[in-house]
């Protein structure tokens, strides 16, 4: 892991860009150490520099957590294959025409998840070697499909917060039954791109004995800011 830049924010949080081979990432750490780690993703390939992700990461770090995010393969500014670009073009065409898009999402999101998981696990290995990181690991992010796959594959993840806002492939919907860690699941009740019934069925499918659903009125990007505070309290219960 090589740090390429750093800046100290007003609240004492240290923000550092890093590279890990071909993987670009950002790490936020609080003034106190060692700090529990939160892996934070954004939905289905959006960049790590997305303002909503950065705001969540900085807030969470100020609450005493180390937060790491990356642009995994095919995400953010990293190169995409010609096949990926073709699928994305077909998705845009189908959405403009009002055609069904589930099968197109399957062919796009499924490979993204499979390619991203190894790079997230590599990042986890590297970050946990840093002396300022210590304790348990959590996951928080809008990329629920990735979170499900990581929760099943990675025993070091002790708790997770999911945003029910992106397409979850059938494979991850089945894997949800194997997820047993504590969960906080956020649902926007009027999310035009995320059928409510499908989101509720996924919540039912999770195998966790402790799982909490927070539903709020509003569209896809309307999650109330207070949910971030509640999310940190959830992390406090399970990571500190």
C-alpha atoms as a PDB file:
ATOM      1  CA  UNK A   1       0.000   0.000   0.000  1.00  0.00           C
ATOM      2  CA  UNK A   2       1.399   3.372  -1.043  1.00  0.00           C
ATOM      3  CA  UNK A   3      -0.078   6.653   0.196  1.00  0.00           C
ATOM      4  CA  UNK A   4      -0.048   9.303  -2.520  1.00  0.00           C
ATOM      5  CA  UNK A   5      -1.555  12.335  -0.742  1.00  0.00           C
ATOM      6  CA  UNK A   6      -2.952  13.397   2.614  1.00  0.00           C
ATOM      7  CA  UNK A   7      -4.821  16.239   4.235  1.00  0.00           C
ATOM      8  CA  UNK A   8      -5.926  16.952   7.793  1.00  0.00           C
ATOM      9  CA  UNK A   9      -9.591  17.979   7.929  1.00  0.00           C
ATOM     10  CA  UNK A  10     -11.090  20.519  10.336  1.00  0.00           C
ATOM     11  CA  UNK A  11     -12.463  17.813  12.647  1.00  0.00           C
ATOM     12  CA  UNK A  12      -9.039  16.174  13.036  1.00  0.00           C
ATOM     13  CA  UNK A  13      -9.721  13.379  10.565  1.00  0.00           C
ATOM     14  CA  UNK A  14      -6.772  12.448   8.343  1.00  0.00           C
ATOM     15  CA  UNK A  15      -7.769  11.795   4.713  1.00  0.00           C
ATOM     16  CA  UNK A  16      -5.248   9.883   2.608  1.00  0.00           C
ATOM     17  CA  UNK A  17      -5.344   8.664  -0.974  1.00  0.00           C
ATOM     18  CA  UNK A  18      -3.562   5.376  -1.634  1.00  0.00           C
ATOM     19  CA  UNK A  19      -2.801   2.842  -4.323  1.00  0.00           C
ATOM     20  CA  UNK A  20      -2.558  -0.896  -3.843  1.00  0.00           C
ATOM     21  CA  UNK A  21      -1.224  -2.269  -7.090  1.00  0.00           C
ATOM     22  CA  UNK A  22      -3.832  -1.136  -9.616  1.00  0.00           C
ATOM     23  CA  UNK A  23      -6.417  -0.409  -6.900  1.00  0.00           C
ATOM     24  CA  UNK A  24      -6.968   3.279  -6.014  1.00  0.00           C
ATOM     25  CA  UNK A  25      -8.507   4.027  -2.635  1.00  0.00           C
ATOM     26  CA  UNK A  26      -9.081   6.520   0.143  1.00  0.00           C
ATOM     27  CA  UNK A  27      -8.577   6.018   3.873  1.00  0.00           C
ATOM     28  CA  UNK A  28      -9.980   8.294   6.573  1.00  0.00           C
ATOM     29  CA  UNK A  29      -8.688   7.870  10.125  1.00  0.00           C
ATOM     30  CA  UNK A  30      -9.682   9.681  13.330  1.00  0.00           C
ATOM     31  CA  UNK A  31      -7.298  11.279  15.756  1.00  0.00           C
ATOM     32  CA  UNK A  32      -7.698   8.369  18.170  1.00  0.00           C
ATOM     33  CA  UNK A  33      -5.991   5.048  17.472  1.00  0.00           C
ATOM     34  CA  UNK A  34      -6.276   2.183  17.011  1.00  0.00           C
ATOM     35  CA  UNK A  35      -9.732   2.542  15.413  1.00  0.00           C
ATOM     36  CA  UNK A  36     -12.251  -0.061  14.215  1.00  0.00           C
ATOM     37  CA  UNK A  37     -12.508  -0.256  10.436  1.00  0.00           C
ATOM     38  CA  UNK A  38     -15.538   0.373   8.224  1.00  0.00           C
ATOM     39  CA  UNK A  39     -15.434  -0.635   4.560  1.00  0.00           C
ATOM     40  CA  UNK A  40     -17.635   1.871   2.730  1.00  0.00           C
ATOM     41  CA  UNK A  41     -18.854   1.405  -0.830  1.00  0.00           C
ATOM     42  CA  UNK A  42     -21.133   3.267  -3.192  1.00  0.00           C
ATOM     43  CA  UNK A  43     -23.659   1.747  -5.523  1.00  0.00           C
ATOM     44  CA  UNK A  44     -22.728  -0.482  -8.453  1.00  0.00           C
ATOM     45  CA  UNK A  45     -19.574   1.114  -9.743  1.00  0.00           C
ATOM     46  CA  UNK A  46     -19.984   4.786  -8.839  1.00  0.00           C
ATOM     47  CA  UNK A  47     -16.658   6.444  -7.951  1.00  0.00           C
ATOM     48  CA  UNK A  48     -15.128   6.572  -4.492  1.00  0.00           C
ATOM     49  CA  UNK A  49     -15.032  10.365  -4.851  1.00  0.00           C
ATOM     50  CA  UNK A  50     -18.830  10.605  -5.051  1.00  0.00           C
ATOM     51  CA  UNK A  51     -19.824  13.480  -2.714  1.00  0.00           C
ATOM     52  CA  UNK A  52     -22.402  11.430  -0.807  1.00  0.00           C
ATOM     53  CA  UNK A  53     -19.880   8.686  -0.043  1.00  0.00           C
ATOM     54  CA  UNK A  54     -17.207  11.205   0.997  1.00  0.00           C
ATOM     55  CA  UNK A  55     -19.645  12.982   3.330  1.00  0.00           C
ATOM     56  CA  UNK A  56     -20.644   9.685   4.968  1.00  0.00           C
ATOM     57  CA  UNK A  57     -17.014   8.621   5.301  1.00  0.00           C
ATOM     58  CA  UNK A  58     -15.877  11.872   6.916  1.00  0.00           C
ATOM     59  CA  UNK A  59     -18.782  11.853   9.357  1.00  0.00           C
ATOM     60  CA  UNK A  60     -18.129   8.229  10.320  1.00  0.00           C
ATOM     61  CA  UNK A  61     -14.398   8.834  10.779  1.00  0.00           C
ATOM     62  CA  UNK A  62     -15.141  11.809  13.035  1.00  0.00           C
ATOM     63  CA  UNK A  63     -17.137   9.393  15.207  1.00  0.00           C
ATOM     64  CA  UNK A  64     -13.991   7.342  15.853  1.00  0.00           C
ATOM     65  CA  UNK A  65     -13.776   4.924  12.940  1.00  0.00           C
ATOM     66  CA  UNK A  66     -11.250   4.293  10.220  1.00  0.00           C
ATOM     67  CA  UNK A  67     -13.077   4.255   6.880  1.00  0.00           C
ATOM     68  CA  UNK A  68     -11.695   2.743   3.680  1.00  0.00           C
ATOM     69  CA  UNK A  69     -13.119   2.819   0.179  1.00  0.00           C
ATOM     70  CA  UNK A  70     -11.777   1.838  -3.229  1.00  0.00           C
ATOM     71  CA  UNK A  71     -12.590   1.942  -6.907  1.00  0.00           C
ATOM     72  CA  UNK A  72     -12.649  -1.764  -7.649  1.00  0.00           C
ATOM     73  CA  UNK A  73     -12.325  -3.255 -11.127  1.00  0.00           C
ATOM     74  CA  UNK A  74     -14.790  -1.597 -13.519  1.00  0.00           C
ATOM     75  CA  UNK A  75     -15.759   1.054 -10.965  1.00  0.00           C
ATOM     76  CA  UNK A  76     -15.145   4.779 -10.812  1.00  0.00           C
ATOM     77  CA  UNK A  77     -12.470   5.902 -13.270  1.00  0.00           C
ATOM     78  CA  UNK A  78     -10.953   2.462 -13.748  1.00  0.00           C
ATOM     79  CA  UNK A  79     -11.045   1.013 -17.268  1.00  0.00           C
ATOM     80  CA  UNK A  80     -14.139  -0.873 -18.349  1.00  0.00           C
ATOM     81  CA  UNK A  81     -14.148  -3.667 -20.878  1.00  0.00           C
ATOM     82  CA  UNK A  82     -15.821  -3.309 -24.244  1.00  0.00           C
ATOM     83  CA  UNK A  83     -18.371  -5.903 -23.106  1.00  0.00           C
ATOM     84  CA  UNK A  84     -19.214  -3.818 -20.016  1.00  0.00           C
ATOM     85  CA  UNK A  85     -19.656  -0.691 -22.108  1.00  0.00           C
ATOM     86  CA  UNK A  86     -21.942  -2.565 -24.481  1.00  0.00           C
ATOM     87  CA  UNK A  87     -24.123  -3.764 -21.598  1.00  0.00           C
ATOM     88  CA  UNK A  88     -24.288  -0.245 -20.138  1.00  0.00           C
ATOM     89  CA  UNK A  89     -25.326   1.143 -23.524  1.00  0.00           C
ATOM     90  CA  UNK A  90     -28.047  -1.497 -23.804  1.00  0.00           C
ATOM     91  CA  UNK A  91     -29.230  -0.629 -20.295  1.00  0.00           C
ATOM     92  CA  UNK A  92     -29.514   3.072 -21.157  1.00  0.00           C
ATOM     93  CA  UNK A  93     -31.410   2.245 -24.345  1.00  0.00           C
ATOM     94  CA  UNK A  94     -33.848  -0.075 -22.552  1.00  0.00           C
ATOM     95  CA  UNK A  95     -34.498   2.442 -19.776  1.00  0.00           C
ATOM     96  CA  UNK A  96     -35.226   5.205 -22.288  1.00  0.00           C
ATOM     97  CA  UNK A  97     -37.638   2.879 -24.096  1.00  0.00           C
ATOM     98  CA  UNK A  98     -39.347   1.780 -20.876  1.00  0.00           C
ATOM     99  CA  UNK A  99     -38.403  -1.864 -21.459  1.00  0.00           C
ATOM    100  CA  UNK A 100     -37.700  -4.465 -18.728  1.00  0.00           C
ATOM    101  CA  UNK A 101     -34.127  -4.184 -17.487  1.00  0.00           C
ATOM    102  CA  UNK A 102     -33.701  -6.921 -14.862  1.00  0.00           C
ATOM    103  CA  UNK A 103     -31.847  -9.301 -17.184  1.00  0.00           C
ATOM    104  CA  UNK A 104     -29.556  -6.509 -18.344  1.00  0.00           C
ATOM    105  CA  UNK A 105     -28.797  -5.645 -14.707  1.00  0.00           C
ATOM    106  CA  UNK A 106     -28.019  -9.325 -14.094  1.00  0.00           C
ATOM    107  CA  UNK A 107     -25.418  -9.319 -16.870  1.00  0.00           C
ATOM    108  CA  UNK A 108     -23.894  -6.048 -15.612  1.00  0.00           C
ATOM    109  CA  UNK A 109     -23.994  -6.217 -11.798  1.00  0.00           C
ATOM    110  CA  UNK A 110     -23.212  -9.913 -11.365  1.00  0.00           C
ATOM    111  CA  UNK A 111     -19.732  -9.723 -12.971  1.00  0.00           C
ATOM    112  CA  UNK A 112     -19.042  -6.381 -11.236  1.00  0.00           C
ATOM    113  CA  UNK A 113     -19.607  -8.034  -7.843  1.00  0.00           C
ATOM    114  CA  UNK A 114     -17.486 -11.078  -8.662  1.00  0.00           C
ATOM    115  CA  UNK A 115     -14.599  -8.912  -9.888  1.00  0.00           C
ATOM    116  CA  UNK A 116     -14.848  -6.429  -7.009  1.00  0.00           C
ATOM    117  CA  UNK A 117     -14.856  -8.849  -4.069  1.00  0.00           C
ATOM    118  CA  UNK A 118     -11.216 -10.031  -4.404  1.00  0.00           C
ATOM    119  CA  UNK A 119      -9.974  -6.441  -4.598  1.00  0.00           C
ATOM    120  CA  UNK A 120     -11.975  -5.428  -1.529  1.00  0.00           C
ATOM    121  CA  UNK A 121     -10.541  -8.386   0.385  1.00  0.00           C
ATOM    122  CA  UNK A 122      -7.012  -7.465  -0.737  1.00  0.00           C
ATOM    123  CA  UNK A 123      -7.639  -3.938   0.506  1.00  0.00           C
ATOM    124  CA  UNK A 124      -8.930  -5.258   3.821  1.00  0.00           C
ATOM    125  CA  UNK A 125      -5.751  -7.314   4.276  1.00  0.00           C
ATOM    126  CA  UNK A 126      -3.550  -4.277   3.631  1.00  0.00           C
ATOM    127  CA  UNK A 127      -5.483  -1.789   5.764  1.00  0.00           C
ATOM    128  CA  UNK A 128      -5.597  -4.109   8.764  1.00  0.00           C
ATOM    129  CA  UNK A 129      -1.789  -4.187   8.782  1.00  0.00           C
ATOM    130  CA  UNK A 130      -1.653  -0.451   9.570  1.00  0.00           C
ATOM    131  CA  UNK A 131      -0.917   0.329  13.246  1.00  0.00           C
ATOM    132  CA  UNK A 132      -3.695   2.934  13.406  1.00  0.00           C
ATOM    133  CA  UNK A 133      -6.317   0.280  12.605  1.00  0.00           C
ATOM    134  CA  UNK A 134      -7.511  -2.149  15.233  1.00  0.00           C
ATOM    135  CA  UNK A 135     -10.585  -3.977  16.461  1.00  0.00           C
ATOM    136  CA  UNK A 136     -13.572  -5.236  14.515  1.00  0.00           C
ATOM    137  CA  UNK A 137     -14.583  -4.594  10.903  1.00  0.00           C
ATOM    138  CA  UNK A 138     -17.911  -3.386   9.528  1.00  0.00           C
ATOM    139  CA  UNK A 139     -19.390  -2.710   6.105  1.00  0.00           C
ATOM    140  CA  UNK A 140     -21.542   0.239   5.103  1.00  0.00           C
ATOM    141  CA  UNK A 141     -22.714   1.059   1.636  1.00  0.00           C
ATOM    142  CA  UNK A 142     -25.260   1.476  -1.076  1.00  0.00           C
ATOM    143  CA  UNK A 143     -23.808  -1.447  -3.010  1.00  0.00           C
ATOM    144  CA  UNK A 144     -25.876  -4.081  -1.221  1.00  0.00           C
ATOM    145  CA  UNK A 145     -24.984  -6.892  -3.628  1.00  0.00           C
ATOM    146  CA  UNK A 146     -21.284  -6.400  -2.881  1.00  0.00           C
ATOM    147  CA  UNK A 147     -21.996  -6.209   0.853  1.00  0.00           C
ATOM    148  CA  UNK A 148     -23.903  -9.488   0.787  1.00  0.00           C
ATOM    149  CA  UNK A 149     -21.102 -11.246  -1.070  1.00  0.00           C
ATOM    150  CA  UNK A 150     -18.460  -9.857   1.298  1.00  0.00           C
ATOM    151  CA  UNK A 151     -20.501 -10.754   4.384  1.00  0.00           C
ATOM    152  CA  UNK A 152     -20.663 -14.356   3.174  1.00  0.00           C
ATOM    153  CA  UNK A 153     -17.041 -14.612   1.996  1.00  0.00           C
ATOM    154  CA  UNK A 154     -15.262 -12.540   4.645  1.00  0.00           C
ATOM    155  CA  UNK A 155     -15.506 -13.736   8.289  1.00  0.00           C
ATOM    156  CA  UNK A 156     -13.752 -10.599   9.580  1.00  0.00           C
ATOM    157  CA  UNK A 157     -16.836  -8.463   8.860  1.00  0.00           C
ATOM    158  CA  UNK A 158     -18.832  -8.314  12.092  1.00  0.00           C
ATOM    159  CA  UNK A 159     -21.774  -6.055  11.164  1.00  0.00           C
ATOM    160  CA  UNK A 160     -23.168  -4.326   8.072  1.00  0.00           C
ATOM    161  CA  UNK A 161     -25.381  -1.444   7.065  1.00  0.00           C
ATOM    162  CA  UNK A 162     -27.076  -1.742   3.666  1.00  0.00           C
ATOM    163  CA  UNK A 163     -28.957   0.837   1.584  1.00  0.00           C
ATOM    164  CA  UNK A 164     -31.778  -0.821  -0.374  1.00  0.00           C
ATOM    165  CA  UNK A 165     -31.269   1.262  -3.474  1.00  0.00           C
ATOM    166  CA  UNK A 166     -29.488  -0.750  -6.139  1.00  0.00           C
ATOM    167  CA  UNK A 167     -30.195  -3.870  -8.115  1.00  0.00           C
ATOM    168  CA  UNK A 168     -29.271  -7.086  -6.282  1.00  0.00           C
ATOM    169  CA  UNK A 169     -28.664 -10.040  -8.629  1.00  0.00           C
ATOM    170  CA  UNK A 170     -30.472 -13.310  -8.037  1.00  0.00           C
ATOM    171  CA  UNK A 171     -27.248 -14.973  -6.845  1.00  0.00           C
ATOM    172  CA  UNK A 172     -26.865 -12.455  -4.007  1.00  0.00           C
ATOM    173  CA  UNK A 173     -30.561 -12.656  -3.134  1.00  0.00           C
ATOM    174  CA  UNK A 174     -30.004 -16.371  -2.568  1.00  0.00           C
ATOM    175  CA  UNK A 175     -26.782 -15.737  -0.649  1.00  0.00           C
ATOM    176  CA  UNK A 176     -28.653 -13.370   1.688  1.00  0.00           C
ATOM    177  CA  UNK A 177     -29.892 -16.447   3.580  1.00  0.00           C
ATOM    178  CA  UNK A 178     -26.269 -17.151   4.549  1.00  0.00           C
ATOM    179  CA  UNK A 179     -25.745 -13.675   6.040  1.00  0.00           C
ATOM    180  CA  UNK A 180     -25.920 -14.004   9.834  1.00  0.00           C
ATOM    181  CA  UNK A 181     -24.143 -10.862  11.115  1.00  0.00           C
ATOM    182  CA  UNK A 182     -26.147  -7.965  12.629  1.00  0.00           C
ATOM    183  CA  UNK A 183     -27.702  -5.778   9.921  1.00  0.00           C
ATOM    184  CA  UNK A 184     -29.159  -2.298   9.567  1.00  0.00           C
ATOM    185  CA  UNK A 185     -31.184  -2.009   6.341  1.00  0.00           C
ATOM    186  CA  UNK A 186     -32.270   1.394   5.001  1.00  0.00           C
ATOM    187  CA  UNK A 187     -35.185   1.650   2.567  1.00  0.00           C
ATOM    188  CA  UNK A 188     -36.511   4.679   0.748  1.00  0.00           C
ATOM    189  CA  UNK A 189     -40.242   3.976   0.527  1.00  0.00           C
ATOM    190  CA  UNK A 190     -40.761   5.822  -2.768  1.00  0.00           C
ATOM    191  CA  UNK A 191     -37.554   4.803  -4.573  1.00  0.00           C
ATOM    192  CA  UNK A 192     -38.643   4.742  -8.195  1.00  0.00           C
ATOM    193  CA  UNK A 193     -35.816   2.426  -9.246  1.00  0.00           C
ATOM    194  CA  UNK A 194     -36.090  -0.085  -6.426  1.00  0.00           C
ATOM    195  CA  UNK A 195     -39.395  -1.999  -6.148  1.00  0.00           C
ATOM    196  CA  UNK A 196     -40.497  -1.896  -2.534  1.00  0.00           C
ATOM    197  CA  UNK A 197     -41.703  -5.507  -2.481  1.00  0.00           C
ATOM    198  CA  UNK A 198     -38.335  -6.763  -3.734  1.00  0.00           C
ATOM    199  CA  UNK A 199     -36.505  -4.779  -1.038  1.00  0.00           C
ATOM    200  CA  UNK A 200     -38.779  -6.140   1.687  1.00  0.00           C
ATOM    201  CA  UNK A 201     -38.381  -9.699   0.398  1.00  0.00           C
ATOM    202  CA  UNK A 202     -34.600  -9.288   0.581  1.00  0.00           C
ATOM    203  CA  UNK A 203     -34.864  -8.100   4.183  1.00  0.00           C
ATOM    204  CA  UNK A 204     -36.917 -11.205   4.982  1.00  0.00           C
ATOM    205  CA  UNK A 205     -34.310 -13.411   3.324  1.00  0.00           C
ATOM    206  CA  UNK A 206     -31.370 -12.332   5.488  1.00  0.00           C
ATOM    207  CA  UNK A 207     -30.444 -15.056   7.977  1.00  0.00           C
ATOM    208  CA  UNK A 208     -29.372 -12.631  10.721  1.00  0.00           C
ATOM    209  CA  UNK A 209     -30.959 -12.974  14.145  1.00  0.00           C
ATOM    210  CA  UNK A 210     -30.482  -9.242  14.620  1.00  0.00           C
ATOM    211  CA  UNK A 211     -31.684  -7.217  11.635  1.00  0.00           C
ATOM    212  CA  UNK A 212     -33.341  -3.813  11.688  1.00  0.00           C
ATOM    213  CA  UNK A 213     -35.285  -2.111   8.899  1.00  0.00           C
ATOM    214  CA  UNK A 214     -35.523   1.693   8.737  1.00  0.00           C
ATOM    215  CA  UNK A 215     -37.968   2.922   6.078  1.00  0.00           C
ATOM    216  CA  UNK A 216     -38.328   6.603   5.201  1.00  0.00           C
ATOM    217  CA  UNK A 217     -40.568   8.421   2.760  1.00  0.00           C
ATOM    218  CA  UNK A 218     -38.861   9.818  -0.319  1.00  0.00           C
ATOM    219  CA  UNK A 219     -36.992   8.859  -3.465  1.00  0.00           C
ATOM    220  CA  UNK A 220     -33.660   7.231  -4.109  1.00  0.00           C
ATOM    221  CA  UNK A 221     -31.388  10.022  -2.882  1.00  0.00           C
ATOM    222  CA  UNK A 222     -33.669  11.236  -0.084  1.00  0.00           C
ATOM    223  CA  UNK A 223     -32.289   9.215   2.835  1.00  0.00           C
ATOM    224  CA  UNK A 224     -32.510  11.524   5.877  1.00  0.00           C
ATOM    225  CA  UNK A 225     -29.218  12.679   7.337  1.00  0.00           C
ATOM    226  CA  UNK A 226     -30.222  11.404  10.793  1.00  0.00           C
ATOM    227  CA  UNK A 227     -29.912   7.859   9.442  1.00  0.00           C
ATOM    228  CA  UNK A 228     -26.166   8.411   9.299  1.00  0.00           C
ATOM    229  CA  UNK A 229     -26.150   9.195  13.006  1.00  0.00           C
ATOM    230  CA  UNK A 230     -28.299   6.123  13.709  1.00  0.00           C
ATOM    231  CA  UNK A 231     -25.940   4.080  11.546  1.00  0.00           C
ATOM    232  CA  UNK A 232     -22.987   5.131  13.682  1.00  0.00           C
ATOM    233  CA  UNK A 233     -24.871   4.104  16.823  1.00  0.00           C
ATOM    234  CA  UNK A 234     -25.432   0.702  15.186  1.00  0.00           C
ATOM    235  CA  UNK A 235     -21.685   0.449  14.500  1.00  0.00           C
ATOM    236  CA  UNK A 236     -20.920   1.507  18.068  1.00  0.00           C
ATOM    237  CA  UNK A 237     -22.958  -1.434  19.385  1.00  0.00           C
ATOM    238  CA  UNK A 238     -21.162  -3.999  17.282  1.00  0.00           C
ATOM    239  CA  UNK A 239     -17.660  -2.742  16.563  1.00  0.00           C
ATOM    240  CA  UNK A 240     -16.612  -0.929  19.754  1.00  0.00           C
END
